[in-house]
Protein backbone atom coordinates (compact mmCIF):
# COMPACT_ATOMS: atom_id res chain seq x y z
CA UNK A 1 -4.26 4.82 23.87
CA UNK A 2 -2.39 7.85 22.16
CA UNK A 3 -3.87 9.21 18.75
CA UNK A 4 -0.85 9.98 17.40
CA UNK A 5 0.10 6.16 18.19
CA UNK A 6 -3.40 5.29 16.49
CA UNK A 7 -2.06 7.61 13.46
CA UNK A 8 1.35 6.09 13.44
CA UNK A 9 -0.11 2.21 13.40
CA UNK A 10 -3.00 2.96 10.68
CA UNK A 11 -0.49 4.93 8.91
CA UNK A 12 2.01 1.73 8.62
CA UNK A 13 -0.80 -1.32 8.53
CA UNK A 14 -2.32 0.59 5.58
CA UNK A 15 0.69 0.63 3.24
CA UNK A 16 1.27 -2.94 3.25
CA UNK A 17 -0.30 -5.01 5.70
CA UNK A 18 1.57 -8.04 6.23
CA UNK A 19 4.58 -6.22 7.03
CA UNK A 20 3.27 -4.10 8.80
CA UNK A 21 1.31 -6.55 11.02
CA UNK A 22 5.29 -7.60 11.32
CA UNK A 23 6.83 -4.89 12.19
CA UNK A 24 4.24 -3.93 15.10
CA UNK A 25 4.38 -7.28 16.38
CA UNK A 26 8.34 -7.21 16.73
CA UNK A 27 7.86 -3.51 18.02
CA UNK A 28 5.27 -5.08 20.82
CA UNK A 29 7.73 -7.86 21.41
CA UNK A 30 10.95 -5.53 21.92
CA UNK A 31 9.04 -3.33 24.18
CA UNK A 32 7.55 -5.76 26.24
CA UNK A 33 10.67 -7.05 25.92
CA UNK A 34 12.39 -4.46 26.95
CA UNK A 35 10.87 -3.14 30.13
CA UNK A 36 10.17 -6.45 31.85
CA UNK A 37 14.03 -7.37 31.34
CA UNK A 38 13.46 -10.32 29.26
CA UNK A 39 16.28 -10.24 27.09
CA UNK A 40 15.41 -13.14 25.13
CA UNK A 41 12.10 -11.52 24.23
CA UNK A 42 13.60 -8.14 23.54
CA UNK A 43 16.29 -9.83 21.09
CA UNK A 44 13.34 -11.84 19.05
CA UNK A 45 11.25 -8.49 19.01
CA UNK A 46 14.23 -6.57 17.47
CA UNK A 47 14.78 -9.31 15.27
CA UNK A 48 11.00 -9.81 13.95
CA UNK A 49 10.42 -5.54 13.89
CA UNK A 50 14.01 -5.72 11.46
CA UNK A 51 12.43 -8.65 9.53
CA UNK A 52 9.26 -6.46 9.05
CA UNK A 53 11.03 -3.12 8.28
CA UNK A 54 12.92 -5.41 5.31
CA UNK A 55 9.92 -6.87 4.30
CA UNK A 56 8.38 -3.03 3.56
CA UNK A 57 12.05 -1.89 1.65
CA UNK A 58 11.77 -5.71 -0.43
CA UNK A 59 8.01 -4.84 -1.57
CA UNK A 60 8.70 -1.10 -2.08
CA UNK A 61 11.71 -1.56 -4.22
CA UNK A 62 9.68 -4.28 -6.20
CA UNK A 63 6.71 -1.81 -6.89
CA UNK A 64 9.08 1.06 -7.73
CA UNK A 65 10.54 -1.48 -10.28
CA UNK A 66 7.35 -2.70 -11.97
CA UNK A 67 6.00 1.20 -12.44
CA UNK A 68 9.34 2.09 -14.53
CA UNK A 69 8.94 -1.27 -16.54
CA UNK A 70 5.12 -1.11 -17.26
CA UNK A 71 4.91 -0.49 -21.09
CA UNK A 72 2.00 1.84 -21.70
CA UNK A 73 -1.35 0.83 -22.68
CA UNK A 74 -3.75 3.12 -24.70
CA UNK A 75 -7.58 2.48 -24.09
CA UNK A 76 -8.56 4.21 -26.97
CA UNK A 77 -8.02 3.95 -30.88
CA UNK A 78 -5.92 7.03 -32.08
CA UNK A 79 -8.70 7.65 -34.87
CA UNK A 80 -11.68 7.09 -35.92
CA UNK A 81 -12.04 6.19 -39.90
CA UNK A 82 -15.23 6.43 -39.44
CA UNK A 83 -18.21 9.52 -39.52
CA UNK A 84 -19.54 10.79 -36.42
CA UNK A 85 -23.26 9.42 -35.39
CA UNK A 86 -25.93 12.03 -35.47
CA UNK A 87 -27.26 14.22 -33.05
CA UNK A 88 -30.51 12.04 -31.26
CA UNK A 89 -33.29 15.00 -30.45
CA UNK A 90 -36.59 13.95 -28.90
CA UNK A 91 -39.86 13.33 -30.55
CA UNK A 92 -41.56 16.85 -29.52
CA UNK A 93 -38.84 18.95 -31.26
CA UNK A 94 -39.11 17.21 -34.37
CA UNK A 95 -43.13 18.28 -34.68
């Protein structure tokens, strides 16, 4: 397989594995149907590829909405009212 195709398939699959699999499956069916002259396989492949594109678009839209509506969470308190802990020194330095 051409390295360019392998890189393309990896980039499509890694972003969203389920929609990427459906998109690659549909494109493969469409390619086999178009080259083999089987119009039914071509049309089913195009429909499945279109379904994969729509799924990917919807998943990306949902992620952008979640990022925009997610509130900011702070994990550390704003300030501490306690005194800082003393520095630790080794026994060699004490003597």
